[in-house]
C-alpha atoms as a PDB file:
ATOM      1  CA  MET A   1      70.412 143.238  88.313  1.00  0.00           C
ATOM      2  CA  LEU A   2      69.934 145.715  91.175  1.00  0.00           C
ATOM      3  CA  THR A   3      72.998 145.452  93.398  1.00  0.00           C
ATOM      4  CA  ASP A   4      75.428 145.517  90.448  1.00  0.00           C
ATOM      5  CA  HIS A   5      73.410 148.028  88.366  1.00  0.00           C
ATOM      6  CA  GLY A   6      72.821 145.346  85.734  1.00  0.00           C
ATOM      7  CA  PHE A   7      69.516 146.916  84.712  1.00  0.00           C
ATOM      8  CA  LEU A   8      71.507 149.854  83.262  1.00  0.00           C
ATOM      9  CA  ARG A   9      73.411 147.475  80.977  1.00  0.00           C
ATOM     10  CA  VAL A  10      70.386 145.759  79.438  1.00  0.00           C
ATOM     11  CA  PHE A  11      70.429 148.085  76.429  1.00  0.00           C
ATOM     12  CA  TRP A  12      73.752 149.884  76.944  1.00  0.00           C
ATOM     13  CA  THR A  13      76.520 147.444  76.030  1.00  0.00           C
ATOM     14  CA  HIS A  14      79.399 149.879  75.544  1.00  0.00           C
ATOM     15  CA  GLU A  15      80.907 147.385  73.089  1.00  0.00           C
ATOM     16  CA  TYR A  16      83.661 148.313  70.615  1.00  0.00           C
ATOM     17  CA  GLU A  17      86.117 146.334  68.523  1.00  0.00           C
ATOM     18  CA  ILE A  18      89.616 147.597  69.337  1.00  0.00           C
ATOM     19  CA  ALA A  19      91.566 145.248  67.043  1.00  0.00           C
ATOM     20  CA  PRO A  20      90.597 142.360  64.775  1.00  0.00           C
ATOM     21  CA  GLY A  21      88.910 139.803  67.015  1.00  0.00           C
ATOM     22  CA  VAL A  22      89.316 141.856  70.214  1.00  0.00           C
ATOM     23  CA  TRP A  23      86.400 143.694  71.773  1.00  0.00           C
ATOM     24  CA  ARG A  24      85.888 145.867  74.835  1.00  0.00           C
ATOM     25  CA  SER A  25      82.602 145.961  76.715  1.00  0.00           C
ATOM     26  CA  ASN A  26      80.892 146.465  80.040  1.00  0.00           C
ATOM     27  CA  GLN A  27      79.732 143.673  82.373  1.00  0.00           C
ATOM     28  CA  PRO A  28      77.665 141.214  80.309  1.00  0.00           C
ATOM     29  CA  SER A  29      74.465 139.513  81.318  1.00  0.00           C
ATOM     30  CA  PRO A  30      74.106 135.779  80.687  1.00  0.00           C
ATOM     31  CA  ASN A  31      71.992 136.649  77.610  1.00  0.00           C
ATOM     32  CA  ARG A  32      74.773 138.819  76.175  1.00  0.00           C
ATOM     33  CA  ILE A  33      77.266 136.013  76.743  1.00  0.00           C
ATOM     34  CA  ALA A  34      74.948 133.707  74.773  1.00  0.00           C
ATOM     35  CA  GLY A  35      74.895 136.338  72.019  1.00  0.00           C
ATOM     36  CA  TRP A  36      78.689 136.554  72.033  1.00  0.00           C
ATOM     37  CA  ALA A  37      78.918 132.792  71.642  1.00  0.00           C
ATOM     38  CA  ALA A  38      76.490 132.930  68.713  1.00  0.00           C
ATOM     39  CA  ARG A  39      78.713 135.610  67.111  1.00  0.00           C
ATOM     40  CA  GLY A  40      81.782 133.378  67.462  1.00  0.00           C
ATOM     41  CA  ILE A  41      83.425 134.926  70.542  1.00  0.00           C
ATOM     42  CA  ARG A  42      85.664 132.242  72.103  1.00  0.00           C
ATOM     43  CA  SER A  43      86.948 133.874  75.306  1.00  0.00           C
ATOM     44  CA  VAL A  44      86.129 136.502  77.909  1.00  0.00           C
ATOM     45  CA  LEU A  45      88.669 138.446  79.980  1.00  0.00           C
ATOM     46  CA  LEU A  46      87.176 139.704  83.250  1.00  0.00           C
ATOM     47  CA  LEU A  47      89.060 142.510  85.016  1.00  0.00           C
ATOM     48  CA  ARG A  48      86.860 142.919  88.081  1.00  0.00           C
ATOM     49  CA  GLY A  49      88.174 141.978  91.518  1.00  0.00           C
ATOM     50  CA  LYS A  50      85.220 140.775  93.565  1.00  0.00           C
ATOM     51  CA  SER A  51      85.264 137.376  95.264  1.00  0.00           C
ATOM     52  CA  GLU A  52      84.509 134.230  93.293  1.00  0.00           C
ATOM     53  CA  ASP A  53      81.173 133.875  95.083  1.00  0.00           C
ATOM     54  CA  HIS A  54      79.919 137.329  94.065  1.00  0.00           C
ATOM     55  CA  GLY A  55      76.686 137.047  92.069  1.00  0.00           C
ATOM     56  CA  PHE A  56      77.830 138.568  88.777  1.00  0.00           C
ATOM     57  CA  ILE A  57      80.971 136.403  88.708  1.00  0.00           C
ATOM     58  CA  ARG A  58      78.990 133.246  89.394  1.00  0.00           C
ATOM     59  CA  LEU A  59      76.493 134.145  86.634  1.00  0.00           C
ATOM     60  CA  GLU A  60      79.283 134.947  84.193  1.00  0.00           C
ATOM     61  CA  ARG A  61      81.186 131.760  84.969  1.00  0.00           C
ATOM     62  CA  GLU A  62      78.034 129.661  84.520  1.00  0.00           C
ATOM     63  CA  ALA A  63      77.025 131.426  81.273  1.00  0.00           C
ATOM     64  CA  CYS A  64      80.513 131.085  79.783  1.00  0.00           C
ATOM     65  CA  ALA A  65      80.589 127.374  80.661  1.00  0.00           C
ATOM     66  CA  ALA A  66      77.105 126.820  79.227  1.00  0.00           C
ATOM     67  CA  HIS A  67      78.065 128.438  75.912  1.00  0.00           C
ATOM     68  CA  GLY A  68      81.616 127.097  75.586  1.00  0.00           C
ATOM     69  CA  LEU A  69      83.491 130.358  76.197  1.00  0.00           C
ATOM     70  CA  ALA A  70      86.764 130.318  78.127  1.00  0.00           C
ATOM     71  CA  LEU A  71      86.681 132.743  81.058  1.00  0.00           C
ATOM     72  CA  HIS A  72      89.991 134.359  82.027  1.00  0.00           C
ATOM     73  CA  ARG A  73      90.358 136.669  84.982  1.00  0.00           C
ATOM     74  CA  VAL A  74      93.003 139.232  85.845  1.00  0.00           C
ATOM     75  CA  LYS A  75      91.977 141.492  88.724  1.00  0.00           C
ATOM     76  CA  ILE A  76      92.854 145.105  87.954  1.00  0.00           C
ATOM     77  CA  ARG A  77      92.166 147.681  90.629  1.00  0.00           C
ATOM     78  CA  GLY A  78      89.773 150.461  89.791  1.00  0.00           C
ATOM     79  CA  GLY A  79      90.513 152.998  92.504  1.00  0.00           C
ATOM     80  CA  ARG A  80      94.305 152.736  92.604  1.00  0.00           C
ATOM     81  CA  LEU A  81      97.209 151.338  90.611  1.00  0.00           C
ATOM     82  CA  SER A  82      97.716 147.599  90.586  1.00  0.00           C
ATOM     83  CA  GLY A  83     101.106 146.070  91.235  1.00  0.00           C
ATOM     84  CA  ARG A  84     103.641 145.205  88.555  1.00  0.00           C
ATOM     85  CA  GLU A  85     102.859 141.482  88.729  1.00  0.00           C
ATOM     86  CA  ARG A  86      99.200 142.103  87.903  1.00  0.00           C
ATOM     87  CA  PHE A  87      99.975 144.050  84.723  1.00  0.00           C
ATOM     88  CA  LEU A  88     102.535 141.445  83.666  1.00  0.00           C
ATOM     89  CA  GLU A  89      99.881 138.770  84.269  1.00  0.00           C
ATOM     90  CA  LEU A  90      97.572 140.745  81.973  1.00  0.00           C
ATOM     91  CA  LEU A  91     100.222 140.880  79.219  1.00  0.00           C
ATOM     92  CA  ASP A  92     100.735 137.123  79.601  1.00  0.00           C
ATOM     93  CA  CYS A  93      96.992 136.570  79.321  1.00  0.00           C
ATOM     94  CA  PHE A  94      96.934 138.542  76.051  1.00  0.00           C
ATOM     95  CA  LYS A  95      99.475 136.080  74.646  1.00  0.00           C
ATOM     96  CA  LYS A  96      97.480 132.949  75.454  1.00  0.00           C
ATOM     97  CA  ILE A  97      93.815 133.975  75.250  1.00  0.00           C
ATOM     98  CA  GLN A  98      91.946 132.552  72.279  1.00  0.00           C
ATOM     99  CA  LYS A  99      90.456 135.035  69.830  1.00  0.00           C
ATOM    100  CA  PRO A 100      87.987 136.427  69.256  1.00  0.00           C
ATOM    101  CA  PHE A 101      87.624 137.656  72.826  1.00  0.00           C
ATOM    102  CA  VAL A 102      86.013 140.382  74.895  1.00  0.00           C
ATOM    103  CA  ILE A 103      87.701 142.388  77.667  1.00  0.00           C
ATOM    104  CA  HIS A 104      85.425 143.896  80.313  1.00  0.00           C
ATOM    105  CA  CYS A 105      85.079 145.398  83.760  1.00  0.00           C
ATOM    106  CA  LYS A 106      81.863 146.781  85.271  1.00  0.00           C
ATOM    107  CA  SER A 107      81.185 149.751  82.974  1.00  0.00           C
ATOM    108  CA  GLY A 108      83.754 149.092  80.246  1.00  0.00           C
ATOM    109  CA  ILE A 109      85.214 152.556  80.704  1.00  0.00           C
ATOM    110  CA  ASP A 110      88.293 152.863  82.914  1.00  0.00           C
ATOM    111  CA  ARG A 111      89.903 149.481  83.650  1.00  0.00           C
ATOM    112  CA  THR A 112      88.718 148.126  80.304  1.00  0.00           C
ATOM    113  CA  GLY A 113      90.034 151.194  78.492  1.00  0.00           C
ATOM    114  CA  PHE A 114      93.388 150.801  80.202  1.00  0.00           C
ATOM    115  CA  ALA A 115      93.535 147.093  79.358  1.00  0.00           C
ATOM    116  CA  ALA A 116      92.644 147.937  75.736  1.00  0.00           C
ATOM    117  CA  PHE A 117      95.494 150.490  75.711  1.00  0.00           C
ATOM    118  CA  LEU A 118      97.905 147.835  77.011  1.00  0.00           C
ATOM    119  CA  TYR A 119      96.637 145.249  74.522  1.00  0.00           C
ATOM    120  CA  LEU A 120      97.195 147.556  71.565  1.00  0.00           C
ATOM    121  CA  LEU A 121     100.731 148.342  72.769  1.00  0.00           C
ATOM    122  CA  ALA A 122     101.663 144.742  73.559  1.00  0.00           C
ATOM    123  CA  GLU A 123      99.982 142.840  70.744  1.00  0.00           C
ATOM    124  CA  THR A 124      99.663 145.183  67.757  1.00  0.00           C
ATOM    125  CA  ASP A 125     101.754 147.744  65.951  1.00  0.00           C
ATOM    126  CA  THR A 126      99.420 150.556  67.013  1.00  0.00           C
ATOM    127  CA  ALA A 127     101.272 153.796  67.690  1.00  0.00           C
ATOM    128  CA  PRO A 128     101.353 154.508  71.442  1.00  0.00           C
ATOM    129  CA  LYS A 129      99.576 157.858  71.091  1.00  0.00           C
ATOM    130  CA  VAL A 130      96.810 156.179  69.104  1.00  0.00           C
ATOM    131  CA  ALA A 131      96.512 153.366  71.671  1.00  0.00           C
ATOM    132  CA  ARG A 132      96.253 156.043  74.381  1.00  0.00           C
ATOM    133  CA  ARG A 133      92.875 157.062  72.909  1.00  0.00           C
ATOM    134  CA  GLN A 134      91.331 153.989  74.554  1.00  0.00           C
ATOM    135  CA  LEU A 135      91.249 156.180  77.675  1.00  0.00           C
ATOM    136  CA  SER A 136      89.208 159.039  76.257  1.00  0.00           C
ATOM    137  CA  LEU A 137      85.830 160.722  76.341  1.00  0.00           C
ATOM    138  CA  ARG A 138      84.806 158.699  73.274  1.00  0.00           C
ATOM    139  CA  TYR A 139      84.510 155.752  75.671  1.00  0.00           C
ATOM    140  CA  LEU A 140      83.137 157.967  78.497  1.00  0.00           C
ATOM    141  CA  HIS A 141      86.467 157.976  80.354  1.00  0.00           C
ATOM    142  CA  LEU A 142      87.036 161.147  82.365  1.00  0.00           C
ATOM    143  CA  ARG A 143      90.626 161.879  83.323  1.00  0.00           C
ATOM    144  CA  ARG A 144      89.809 163.651  86.566  1.00  0.00           C
ATOM    145  CA  ARG A 145      87.654 160.951  88.101  1.00  0.00           C
ATOM    146  CA  ARG A 146      89.008 158.530  90.677  1.00  0.00           C
ATOM    147  CA  HIS A 147      90.517 156.527  87.817  1.00  0.00           C
ATOM    148  CA  GLY A 148      92.799 159.380  86.750  1.00  0.00           C
ATOM    149  CA  HIS A 149      95.793 157.451  88.059  1.00  0.00           C
ATOM    150  CA  LEU A 150      95.381 155.134  85.044  1.00  0.00           C
ATOM    151  CA  ASP A 151      95.838 158.142  82.757  1.00  0.00           C
ATOM    152  CA  PHE A 152      98.893 159.151  84.746  1.00  0.00           C
ATOM    153  CA  MET A 153     100.390 155.667  84.381  1.00  0.00           C
ATOM    154  CA  ALA A 154      99.649 155.623  80.644  1.00  0.00           C
ATOM    155  CA  ASP A 155     101.237 159.045  80.243  1.00  0.00           C
ATOM    156  CA  ALA A 156     104.283 157.996  82.290  1.00  0.00           C
ATOM    157  CA  TYR A 157     104.830 155.070  79.957  1.00  0.00           C
ATOM    158  CA  LEU A 158     104.347 157.252  76.861  1.00  0.00           C
ATOM    159  CA  ALA A 159     106.913 159.756  78.197  1.00  0.00           C
ATOM    160  CA  ALA A 160     109.424 156.943  78.761  1.00  0.00           C
ATOM    161  CA  PHE A 161     108.720 155.489  75.320  1.00  0.00           C
ATOM    162  CA  GLU A 162     109.202 158.853  73.630  1.00  0.00           C
ATOM    163  CA  ALA A 163     112.421 159.456  75.588  1.00  0.00           C
ATOM    164  CA  ASP A 164     114.172 156.159  74.884  1.00  0.00           C
ATOM    165  CA  GLY A 165     111.836 153.771  73.019  1.00  0.00           C
ATOM    166  CA  ILE A 166     111.462 151.352  75.947  1.00  0.00           C
ATOM    167  CA  GLY A 167     108.993 148.539  75.342  1.00  0.00           C
ATOM    168  CA  LEU A 168     105.938 148.123  77.540  1.00  0.00           C
ATOM    169  CA  ARG A 169     107.021 144.857  79.201  1.00  0.00           C
ATOM    170  CA  ALA A 170     110.520 146.186  79.870  1.00  0.00           C
ATOM    171  CA  TRP A 171     109.050 149.361  81.362  1.00  0.00           C
ATOM    172  CA  LEU A 172     106.722 147.377  83.608  1.00  0.00           C
ATOM    173  CA  GLU A 173     109.541 145.052  84.719  1.00  0.00           C
ATOM    174  CA  THR A 174     112.217 147.682  85.363  1.00  0.00           C
ATOM    175  CA  VAL A 175     110.696 151.154  85.746  1.00  0.00           C
ATOM    176  CA  TYR A 176     107.056 150.925  86.830  1.00  0.00           C
ATOM    177  CA  ASP A 177     106.584 151.824  90.492  1.00  0.00           C
ATOM    178  CA  PRO A 178     102.918 152.098  91.518  1.00  0.00           C
ATOM    179  CA  VAL A 179     103.709 153.723  94.869  1.00  0.00           C
ATOM    180  CA  ALA A 180     105.873 156.450  93.328  1.00  0.00           C
ATOM    181  CA  LEU A 181     103.438 157.077  90.454  1.00  0.00           C
ATOM    182  CA  THR A 182     100.521 157.309  92.880  1.00  0.00           C
ATOM    183  CA  ALA A 183     102.415 159.815  95.040  1.00  0.00           C
ATOM    184  CA  ARG A 184     103.241 161.925  91.985  1.00  0.00           C
ATOM    185  CA  TYR A 185      99.627 161.765  90.794  1.00  0.00           C
ATOM    186  CA  ASN A 186      98.250 162.670  94.246  1.00  0.00           C
ATOM    187  CA  ALA A 187     100.693 165.608  94.409  1.00  0.00           C
ATOM    188  CA  GLY A 188      99.102 166.984  91.235  1.00  0.00           C
ATOM    189  CA  GLU A 189     102.067 166.406  88.945  1.00  0.00           C
ATOM    190  CA  ARG A 190     101.263 166.402  85.246  1.00  0.00           C
ATOM    191  CA  MET A 191     103.157 164.570  82.523  1.00  0.00           C
ATOM    192  CA  PRO A 192     104.741 166.727  79.813  1.00  0.00           C
END
């Protein structure tokens, strides 16, 4: 509760339904996981990258097991862009995860917002510009924070989509280059 700022999330859940049966949230406590199970949630998708022995992961794993929720984990970096294989793993997870499910990271703002953006693009017919709103002030996401590279990646995909209609998976497999995008972002480049 102290080392992971869990006391801040006792009353602030930052929970939103992004599509039928798909929710975004911040790090849950064991009590919230019990509540999710009572509401019919079947699966949880954890995006955080700490070791398996870290306290919050152990608590989450135990709570999910106790309440019959499947726990899936795809580690997405918070402070820099993840590699292509990690985002493809996330898209694959979206295909197999049982609904209803909850996606979360620590605060449910940046990594979770980006995963929600990718989910809407990959699994629904949501317009890309509408899906992009998952990374917005409505969810407390600030573009200029250390997670601004996620905005830059989202905007790079949207520019490619608008230019030639490339699908998300195809873009990730053939165009996405985290090193080049990071260099462009660090140089202050802005997407049109």
